[in-house]
């Protein structure tokens, strides 16, 4: 439903604000009547179709203030795994809610492409208020006020949190794009991801496993049907997609070498060396002839405009500068991807994290390593990983109890309170262009450097 049928055009000056308010109020009332006719709801409960969907926001004012003081945290907080019957039931329940929203006429579109800022007057704010109220994000209820007040700020923040966006409270381009995905589009997204979770459940696996949800930029470690750890992750950038797969973590490599894959050498490293030949020395990367254990070459004698990644190999020494960080989780698979530490830790602070060449970088990977090694002889007590790191010597630990790992692609789900969660379709696999990502104009640029 396009806003032009609900509100006047945005090109008029605010000197005519009073007249526009009158038009807006009449149009909103008309939309409510239409919606009630489309949805089997009692006429006297005029607000129920778009205020009574029951999304479970029961925060007290005290809790509101507490949340305001806590830094943004994009990790899920309950212990329900993505791969679970409970998740399927939550998604199914939320699909019912979104079906009722669709049947009631959906939500209004927010016109234009300019941002909306707290404290400002904007004739699109009534449509924004209604859009947030339909999905339970605005607690203050609907009004036709043009003011972007504190209630709207909190509603936008709730919406941003549910969509994996930076919780600025401002309607920036990514937030506006997410707001304008239609109700039908979100319902289709929930249905698609219900099927993805169902397919995951059909795969038999031991009770202990790791699951990476790529578009959510999260990893969860599950034991006995309960999530015991969650970690932020960095995944492959579009065009260097992290694949969907199932593999087994069989070993952990402490202080690993990084053997640069031919694809990274060709697409990233050699073009960089054509401009910055000193980069190899800075990053402690050695060059070898034909294979990684071949004759070491003098990089200063190589013409990088003619270099053939099939005939020369690059290997980075272990250490803090290593692209794999201090530990690599070995999970043999046909795609040649794995999980690892990273020296580029500031990137975890960004809400959207598709920065790698396909592998998965894990924040707090040492805690995950402790979890993986929990049942290995000599590793039962916490702290063994830190001892190895403090020792500074390379060590390969083969797991006597290997752990299954899933790389999944789940862009929509529901929490235990029935609140829908959506993430951008970073690899355009959901079939709707509107669901793909819009970059955050306020996010700092990624750090320079190579990484798997």
Protein backbone atom coordinates (compact mmCIF):
# COMPACT_ATOMS: atom_id res chain seq x y z
CA UNK A 1 0.00 0.00 0.00
CA UNK A 2 1.63 3.26 -1.15
CA UNK A 3 1.64 6.25 1.16
CA UNK A 4 0.34 8.66 -1.48
CA UNK A 5 -3.07 7.10 -0.79
CA UNK A 6 -2.66 7.84 2.89
CA UNK A 7 -0.79 11.16 3.21
CA UNK A 8 -0.33 14.34 1.11
CA UNK A 9 2.74 14.85 -1.09
CA UNK A 10 6.01 15.67 0.65
CA UNK A 11 6.93 18.57 -1.63
CA UNK A 12 4.73 21.18 0.11
CA UNK A 13 6.15 23.67 2.59
CA UNK A 14 5.50 23.29 6.31
CA UNK A 15 3.52 26.54 6.24
CA UNK A 16 0.61 24.39 5.05
CA UNK A 17 1.13 21.88 7.86
CA UNK A 18 -2.28 22.38 9.46
CA UNK A 19 -4.09 21.56 6.23
CA UNK A 20 -1.92 18.52 5.67
CA UNK A 21 -2.66 17.28 9.20
CA UNK A 22 -6.37 17.39 8.46
CA UNK A 23 -5.90 15.37 5.28
CA UNK A 24 -3.63 12.91 7.08
CA UNK A 25 -6.12 12.34 9.90
CA UNK A 26 -8.98 11.67 7.51
CA UNK A 27 -6.91 9.29 5.40
CA UNK A 28 -5.68 7.32 8.40
CA UNK A 29 -9.26 6.92 9.60
CA UNK A 30 -10.26 5.71 6.15
CA UNK A 31 -7.45 3.16 6.12
CA UNK A 32 -8.55 1.82 9.51
CA UNK A 33 -12.08 1.27 8.17
CA UNK A 34 -10.75 -0.56 5.10
CA UNK A 35 -8.52 -2.71 7.26
CA UNK A 36 -11.37 -3.67 9.60
CA UNK A 37 -13.41 -4.78 6.63
CA UNK A 38 -10.56 -7.00 5.44
CA UNK A 39 -9.99 -8.59 8.85
CA UNK A 40 -12.65 -10.39 10.97
CA UNK A 41 -12.36 -8.07 13.97
CA UNK A 42 -15.12 -6.37 15.98
CA UNK A 43 -15.90 -2.88 14.63
CA UNK A 44 -15.83 -1.31 18.08
CA UNK A 45 -12.22 -2.49 18.54
CA UNK A 46 -10.99 -0.19 15.77
CA UNK A 47 -7.34 -0.41 16.74
CA UNK A 48 -7.11 -4.18 17.19
CA UNK A 49 -6.15 -5.13 13.66
CA UNK A 50 -2.93 -3.16 13.80
CA UNK A 51 -2.30 -2.80 17.53
CA UNK A 52 -3.39 -6.16 18.88
CA UNK A 53 -1.16 -8.72 17.20
CA UNK A 54 0.48 -9.61 20.50
CA UNK A 55 4.22 -9.41 19.85
CA UNK A 56 5.06 -9.63 23.54
CA UNK A 57 6.61 -6.25 24.36
CA UNK A 58 6.07 -6.05 28.11
CA UNK A 59 9.10 -4.02 29.16
CA UNK A 60 8.52 -1.82 32.18
CA UNK A 61 9.83 1.79 32.17
CA UNK A 62 12.66 0.62 34.43
CA UNK A 63 13.62 -2.06 31.91
CA UNK A 64 13.42 0.49 29.12
CA UNK A 65 15.96 2.69 30.87
CA UNK A 66 18.22 -0.27 31.59
CA UNK A 67 18.23 -1.31 27.95
CA UNK A 68 19.03 2.27 26.95
CA UNK A 69 22.24 2.12 29.00
CA UNK A 70 23.44 -1.26 27.65
CA UNK A 71 25.62 -1.22 24.51
CA UNK A 72 24.02 -2.72 21.43
CA UNK A 73 24.22 -6.51 21.43
CA UNK A 74 23.18 -8.35 18.29
CA UNK A 75 23.56 -11.88 19.68
CA UNK A 76 20.47 -13.91 20.50
CA UNK A 77 19.97 -14.20 24.26
CA UNK A 78 17.77 -17.27 24.75
CA UNK A 79 19.03 -20.87 24.77
CA UNK A 80 16.78 -22.12 21.95
CA UNK A 81 18.82 -23.43 19.00
CA UNK A 82 17.98 -22.42 15.45
CA UNK A 83 17.94 -26.13 14.64
CA UNK A 84 15.07 -27.17 16.92
CA UNK A 85 11.40 -28.09 16.99
CA UNK A 86 10.86 -25.10 19.29
CA UNK A 87 12.21 -22.78 16.62
CA UNK A 88 9.88 -24.30 14.05
CA UNK A 89 6.90 -23.78 16.36
CA UNK A 90 7.92 -20.16 17.02
CA UNK A 91 8.26 -19.45 13.30
CA UNK A 92 4.92 -21.13 12.59
CA UNK A 93 3.20 -19.01 15.24
CA UNK A 94 4.73 -15.83 13.84
CA UNK A 95 3.74 -16.81 10.31
CA UNK A 96 0.15 -16.81 11.55
CA UNK A 97 0.56 -13.28 12.87
CA UNK A 98 2.02 -12.04 9.60
CA UNK A 99 -0.73 -13.77 7.64
CA UNK A 100 -3.28 -11.77 9.64
CA UNK A 101 -1.34 -8.57 8.94
CA UNK A 102 -1.33 -9.36 5.21
CA UNK A 103 -5.05 -10.14 5.30
CA UNK A 104 -5.68 -6.82 7.05
CA UNK A 105 -3.98 -4.86 4.28
CA UNK A 106 -0.35 -4.87 5.37
CA UNK A 107 1.41 -1.68 6.45
CA UNK A 108 1.99 1.70 4.79
CA UNK A 109 5.05 2.47 2.68
CA UNK A 110 7.34 5.29 3.84
CA UNK A 111 7.97 7.47 0.76
CA UNK A 112 11.15 9.20 -0.27
CA UNK A 113 14.75 8.25 0.35
CA UNK A 114 16.00 10.89 2.76
CA UNK A 115 16.71 9.95 6.36
CA UNK A 116 14.43 10.78 9.30
CA UNK A 117 16.03 12.08 12.48
CA UNK A 118 14.93 12.25 16.13
CA UNK A 119 13.55 15.60 17.21
CA UNK A 120 12.64 16.73 13.71
CA UNK A 121 9.19 17.28 12.23
CA UNK A 122 8.54 15.21 9.11
CA UNK A 123 5.21 14.64 7.38
CA UNK A 124 6.12 10.96 7.00
CA UNK A 125 6.21 10.37 10.76
CA UNK A 126 2.49 9.37 10.99
CA UNK A 127 3.12 6.64 8.42
CA UNK A 128 6.24 5.60 10.33
CA UNK A 129 4.26 5.44 13.58
CA UNK A 130 1.66 3.23 11.98
CA UNK A 131 4.27 1.01 10.33
CA UNK A 132 5.96 0.42 13.71
CA UNK A 133 2.66 -0.11 15.52
CA UNK A 134 1.50 -2.84 13.13
CA UNK A 135 4.51 -5.00 14.04
CA UNK A 136 4.47 -4.15 17.75
CA UNK A 137 7.63 -2.04 17.75
CA UNK A 138 5.96 1.24 18.81
CA UNK A 139 4.65 1.00 22.35
CA UNK A 140 3.22 4.51 22.64
CA UNK A 141 0.42 3.74 20.18
CA UNK A 142 -0.54 5.57 17.02
CA UNK A 143 -0.96 9.31 16.66
CA UNK A 144 -0.88 11.65 13.68
CA UNK A 145 1.88 13.80 15.18
CA UNK A 146 4.60 14.88 12.77
CA UNK A 147 7.19 14.97 15.55
CA UNK A 148 9.90 12.29 15.66
CA UNK A 149 9.69 12.01 19.44
CA UNK A 150 11.21 9.64 22.01
CA UNK A 151 8.48 7.03 21.52
CA UNK A 152 9.31 6.86 17.82
CA UNK A 153 13.03 6.66 18.60
CA UNK A 154 12.44 3.64 20.86
CA UNK A 155 10.16 2.03 18.28
CA UNK A 156 12.78 2.45 15.56
CA UNK A 157 15.42 0.97 17.83
CA UNK A 158 13.27 -2.08 18.49
CA UNK A 159 12.70 -2.45 14.77
CA UNK A 160 16.41 -2.11 14.05
CA UNK A 161 17.28 -4.71 16.69
CA UNK A 162 14.81 -7.17 15.12
CA UNK A 163 16.36 -6.63 11.69
CA UNK A 164 20.03 -6.77 12.62
CA UNK A 165 20.54 -3.07 11.94
CA UNK A 166 22.65 -0.61 13.86
CA UNK A 167 20.42 0.64 16.70
CA UNK A 168 20.75 4.36 16.04
CA UNK A 169 17.07 5.23 16.52
CA UNK A 170 17.29 7.12 13.21
CA UNK A 171 15.68 6.05 9.95
CA UNK A 172 18.76 5.79 7.74
CA UNK A 173 18.80 4.16 4.30
CA UNK A 174 19.11 0.55 5.54
CA UNK A 175 16.31 1.08 8.06
CA UNK A 176 14.06 2.72 5.47
CA UNK A 177 14.66 -0.15 3.05
CA UNK A 178 13.77 -2.70 5.75
CA UNK A 179 10.65 -0.74 6.77
CA UNK A 180 9.43 -0.77 3.17
CA UNK A 181 9.62 -4.51 2.62
CA UNK A 182 5.98 -5.49 2.26
CA UNK A 183 4.12 -7.64 4.77
CA UNK A 184 3.69 -10.27 2.06
CA UNK A 185 7.44 -10.20 1.43
CA UNK A 186 8.13 -10.83 5.12
CA UNK A 187 5.56 -13.61 5.25
CA UNK A 188 7.21 -15.27 2.25
CA UNK A 189 10.57 -14.92 3.95
CA UNK A 190 9.27 -16.62 7.10
CA UNK A 191 7.82 -19.48 5.05
CA UNK A 192 11.10 -19.99 3.17
CA UNK A 193 13.12 -20.09 6.36
CA UNK A 194 10.64 -22.42 8.03
CA UNK A 195 11.52 -24.84 5.25
CA UNK A 196 15.25 -24.28 5.77
CA UNK A 197 14.99 -25.07 9.48
CA UNK A 198 12.84 -28.12 8.68
CA UNK A 199 15.54 -29.43 6.34
CA UNK A 200 18.17 -28.90 9.03
CA UNK A 201 16.13 -30.97 11.47
CA UNK A 202 15.88 -33.81 8.99
CA UNK A 203 19.66 -34.28 9.16
CA UNK A 204 20.65 -36.70 11.91
CA UNK A 205 23.41 -35.38 14.14
CA UNK A 206 24.78 -35.87 17.61
CA UNK A 207 23.49 -33.63 20.37
CA UNK A 208 26.72 -31.60 20.35
CA UNK A 209 27.34 -29.40 17.30
CA UNK A 210 28.22 -25.90 16.06
CA UNK A 211 25.93 -23.90 13.78
CA UNK A 212 26.89 -20.75 11.88
CA UNK A 213 24.01 -18.65 10.59
CA UNK A 214 25.72 -16.67 7.85
CA UNK A 215 23.27 -13.77 7.24
CA UNK A 216 22.81 -13.35 11.01
CA UNK A 217 26.60 -13.16 11.49
CA UNK A 218 26.28 -15.49 14.50
CA UNK A 219 27.57 -18.85 15.65
CA UNK A 220 26.01 -21.02 18.33
CA UNK A 221 27.55 -24.00 20.14
CA UNK A 222 24.85 -26.49 21.12
CA UNK A 223 24.97 -29.38 23.57
CA UNK A 224 21.98 -31.51 24.60
CA UNK A 225 19.54 -29.29 22.67
CA UNK A 226 20.68 -26.16 24.52
CA UNK A 227 22.79 -23.27 23.23
CA UNK A 228 25.81 -22.97 25.53
CA UNK A 229 27.77 -20.30 23.65
CA UNK A 230 27.11 -17.68 21.00
CA UNK A 231 29.69 -15.73 19.05
CA UNK A 232 29.69 -12.96 16.47
CA UNK A 233 31.24 -13.96 13.18
CA UNK A 234 32.54 -12.37 9.99
CA UNK A 235 31.49 -14.15 6.79
CA UNK A 236 32.22 -14.00 3.08
CA UNK A 237 31.48 -10.84 1.17
CA UNK A 238 29.05 -11.07 -1.77
CA UNK A 239 30.82 -12.74 -4.64
CA UNK A 240 33.00 -14.66 -2.19
CA UNK A 241 30.04 -16.28 -0.44
CA UNK A 242 30.40 -18.47 2.60
CA UNK A 243 28.81 -21.72 1.38
CA UNK A 244 25.98 -23.68 2.98
CA UNK A 245 27.46 -26.99 4.11
CA UNK A 246 27.83 -29.63 6.77
CA UNK A 247 31.30 -30.67 7.91
CA UNK A 248 33.16 -31.95 10.98
CA UNK A 249 35.64 -30.06 13.15
CA UNK A 250 38.43 -32.61 13.53
CA UNK A 251 41.34 -30.55 14.85
CA UNK A 252 42.49 -27.20 16.18
CA UNK A 253 45.72 -25.61 14.94
CA UNK A 254 47.38 -23.18 17.37
CA UNK A 255 49.81 -20.63 15.88
CA UNK A 256 49.02 -21.77 12.34
CA UNK A 257 50.70 -20.83 9.10
CA UNK A 258 48.35 -19.34 6.55
CA UNK A 259 48.73 -21.04 3.22
CA UNK A 260 47.19 -18.47 0.92
CA UNK A 261 44.67 -20.15 -1.43
CA UNK A 262 45.26 -19.68 -5.15
CA UNK A 263 41.97 -17.77 -5.45
CA UNK A 264 43.00 -15.25 -2.78
CA UNK A 265 46.48 -14.98 -4.30
CA UNK A 266 45.04 -14.27 -7.74
CA UNK A 267 42.17 -11.97 -6.80
CA UNK A 268 43.61 -10.15 -3.78
CA UNK A 269 47.28 -10.61 -2.97
CA UNK A 270 49.01 -10.32 -6.35
CA UNK A 271 47.01 -7.20 -7.37
CA UNK A 272 47.95 -5.67 -4.00
CA UNK A 273 51.64 -6.50 -4.54
CA UNK A 274 51.60 -4.74 -7.89
CA UNK A 275 50.93 -1.54 -5.93
CA UNK A 276 52.58 -2.37 -2.59
CA UNK A 277 55.46 -4.85 -3.06
CA UNK A 278 56.57 -4.15 0.52
CA UNK A 279 53.36 -5.73 1.81
CA UNK A 280 54.92 -9.20 1.97
CA UNK A 281 57.63 -8.11 4.39
CA UNK A 282 55.18 -6.13 6.51
CA UNK A 283 52.86 -9.12 6.92
CA UNK A 284 55.63 -11.77 7.14
CA UNK A 285 54.46 -13.60 4.03
CA UNK A 286 56.98 -15.82 2.25
CA UNK A 287 56.99 -16.88 -1.40
CA UNK A 288 57.69 -20.45 -2.57
CA UNK A 289 58.16 -22.10 -5.91
CA UNK A 290 55.45 -24.54 -7.09
CA UNK A 291 54.24 -25.68 -3.64
CA UNK A 292 54.19 -24.56 -0.01
CA UNK A 293 57.25 -26.66 0.88
CA UNK A 294 59.14 -25.71 -2.25
CA UNK A 295 62.14 -23.48 -2.75
CA UNK A 296 61.74 -20.10 -1.04
CA UNK A 297 62.01 -17.26 -3.55
CA UNK A 298 63.33 -13.72 -3.26
CA UNK A 299 60.16 -11.67 -3.64
CA UNK A 300 62.12 -8.59 -4.73
CA UNK A 301 63.13 -10.43 -7.91
CA UNK A 302 59.56 -11.25 -8.97
CA UNK A 303 57.67 -9.22 -11.56
CA UNK A 304 54.23 -9.13 -9.96
CA UNK A 305 52.57 -8.06 -13.21
CA UNK A 306 53.54 -11.47 -14.63
CA UNK A 307 53.17 -13.62 -11.50
CA UNK A 308 51.29 -16.91 -11.90
CA UNK A 309 49.54 -18.13 -8.69
CA UNK A 310 49.68 -21.67 -10.08
CA UNK A 311 53.49 -21.59 -10.00
CA UNK A 312 54.19 -19.61 -6.84
CA UNK A 313 52.71 -20.09 -3.39
CA UNK A 314 52.39 -17.71 -0.47
CA UNK A 315 52.66 -18.73 3.18
CA UNK A 316 52.32 -16.37 6.15
CA UNK A 317 54.32 -16.96 9.31
CA UNK A 318 52.44 -17.60 12.59
CA UNK A 319 51.90 -14.70 14.96
CA UNK A 320 49.63 -11.80 15.83
CA UNK A 321 49.75 -10.51 12.25
CA UNK A 322 48.64 -13.82 10.75
CA UNK A 323 45.33 -13.64 8.89
CA UNK A 324 44.14 -16.73 10.78
CA UNK A 325 45.00 -15.17 14.13
CA UNK A 326 46.25 -17.62 16.75
CA UNK A 327 43.97 -20.60 16.15
CA UNK A 328 42.36 -22.32 13.17
CA UNK A 329 39.49 -24.81 13.44
CA UNK A 330 40.15 -27.57 10.92
CA UNK A 331 36.95 -28.85 9.26
CA UNK A 332 37.80 -30.65 5.99
CA UNK A 333 35.24 -30.01 3.25
CA UNK A 334 34.99 -29.71 -0.52
CA UNK A 335 34.65 -25.91 -0.37
CA UNK A 336 37.99 -25.41 1.40
CA UNK A 337 36.53 -23.13 4.09
CA UNK A 338 37.07 -23.19 7.83
CA UNK A 339 36.74 -21.08 11.00
CA UNK A 340 39.51 -19.11 12.64
CA UNK A 341 40.68 -16.24 14.81
CA UNK A 342 41.53 -12.87 13.23
CA UNK A 343 43.80 -9.88 13.95
CA UNK A 344 41.07 -7.60 12.53
CA UNK A 345 38.90 -7.65 15.64
CA UNK A 346 37.45 -4.10 15.33
CA UNK A 347 35.29 -5.38 12.45
CA UNK A 348 33.17 -7.33 14.93
CA UNK A 349 31.76 -4.01 16.17
CA UNK A 350 29.89 -3.50 12.90
CA UNK A 351 26.30 -4.68 12.63
CA UNK A 352 26.78 -6.15 9.15
CA UNK A 353 29.92 -8.24 8.74
CA UNK A 354 30.39 -9.74 5.24
CA UNK A 355 34.11 -9.02 4.89
CA UNK A 356 35.95 -12.34 4.38
CA UNK A 357 36.89 -14.34 1.29
CA UNK A 358 34.52 -17.14 2.35
CA UNK A 359 35.90 -18.49 5.62
CA UNK A 360 34.34 -17.61 8.98
CA UNK A 361 36.18 -15.48 11.55
CA UNK A 362 34.94 -15.99 15.09
CA UNK A 363 34.91 -13.44 17.90
CA UNK A 364 35.89 -15.06 21.18
CA UNK A 365 37.25 -18.07 19.32
CA UNK A 366 39.41 -19.11 22.30
CA UNK A 367 36.25 -19.70 24.39
CA UNK A 368 34.85 -21.75 21.52
CA UNK A 369 38.11 -23.72 21.39
CA UNK A 370 37.74 -24.49 25.11
CA UNK A 371 34.22 -25.77 24.44
CA UNK A 372 35.38 -27.94 21.53
CA UNK A 373 38.24 -29.47 23.56
CA UNK A 374 36.18 -30.00 26.72
CA UNK A 375 36.20 -33.80 26.48
CA UNK A 376 39.78 -34.24 25.27
CA UNK A 377 42.30 -35.80 27.70
CA UNK A 378 44.21 -33.06 29.48
CA UNK A 379 41.79 -30.35 28.28
CA UNK A 380 38.90 -31.01 30.66
CA UNK A 381 39.59 -27.99 32.88
CA UNK A 382 39.03 -24.47 31.52
CA UNK A 383 42.19 -22.52 30.91
CA UNK A 384 44.15 -25.05 28.85
CA UNK A 385 43.73 -22.99 25.67
CA UNK A 386 45.16 -19.92 27.38
CA UNK A 387 48.10 -21.99 28.59
CA UNK A 388 48.89 -23.04 25.03
CA UNK A 389 48.60 -19.47 23.79
CA UNK A 390 50.87 -18.22 26.60
CA UNK A 391 53.44 -20.87 25.65
CA UNK A 392 53.71 -19.40 22.17
CA UNK A 393 54.47 -22.73 20.47
CA UNK A 394 52.63 -24.26 17.53
CA UNK A 395 50.34 -27.13 18.52
CA UNK A 396 47.85 -29.25 16.58
CA UNK A 397 45.13 -30.87 18.67
CA UNK A 398 43.30 -33.71 16.94
CA UNK A 399 39.86 -34.08 18.47
CA UNK A 400 39.04 -37.54 19.76
CA UNK A 401 35.41 -36.39 19.76
CA UNK A 402 34.99 -34.47 16.49
CA UNK A 403 32.14 -31.95 16.38
CA UNK A 404 29.67 -31.49 13.53
CA UNK A 405 29.39 -27.98 12.11
CA UNK A 406 26.64 -26.49 9.95
CA UNK A 407 27.05 -23.38 7.83
CA UNK A 408 23.43 -22.30 7.31
CA UNK A 409 21.51 -19.47 5.66
CA UNK A 410 18.58 -18.44 7.85
CA UNK A 411 17.29 -14.91 7.21
CA UNK A 412 14.07 -15.03 9.25
CA UNK A 413 13.04 -16.66 12.51
CA UNK A 414 11.14 -15.92 15.72
CA UNK A 415 12.28 -15.69 19.32
CA UNK A 416 10.59 -17.45 22.23
CA UNK A 417 8.24 -14.47 22.69
CA UNK A 418 7.01 -14.80 19.12
CA UNK A 419 8.78 -11.67 17.88
CA UNK A 420 9.89 -11.97 14.28
CA UNK A 421 13.57 -11.52 13.48
CA UNK A 422 14.77 -10.70 9.97
CA UNK A 423 18.22 -10.32 8.43
CA UNK A 424 19.33 -8.99 5.08
CA UNK A 425 19.56 -11.50 2.25
CA UNK A 426 23.26 -10.74 1.68
CA UNK A 427 23.69 -13.31 -1.11
CA UNK A 428 20.30 -12.77 -2.81
CA UNK A 429 19.09 -16.31 -2.10
CA UNK A 430 15.58 -15.44 -0.88
CA UNK A 431 14.15 -14.42 -4.22
CA UNK A 432 13.16 -10.82 -3.37
CA UNK A 433 15.46 -7.95 -4.31
CA UNK A 434 13.92 -5.84 -1.54
CA UNK A 435 15.32 -8.26 1.06
CA UNK A 436 18.95 -7.77 0.05
CA UNK A 437 21.27 -5.57 2.04
CA UNK A 438 21.60 -1.79 1.95
CA UNK A 439 24.92 -0.67 3.41
CA UNK A 440 24.97 1.60 6.44
CA UNK A 441 26.18 5.07 5.36
CA UNK A 442 27.47 5.76 8.89
CA UNK A 443 29.52 2.57 9.21
CA UNK A 444 33.30 3.03 9.03
CA UNK A 445 35.03 1.41 6.04
CA UNK A 446 36.50 -2.05 6.58
CA UNK A 447 40.17 -2.19 7.53
CA UNK A 448 42.65 -2.91 4.81
CA UNK A 449 44.28 -6.31 4.71
CA UNK A 450 43.92 -9.83 3.39
CA UNK A 451 42.02 -12.63 5.05
CA UNK A 452 40.56 -16.00 4.11
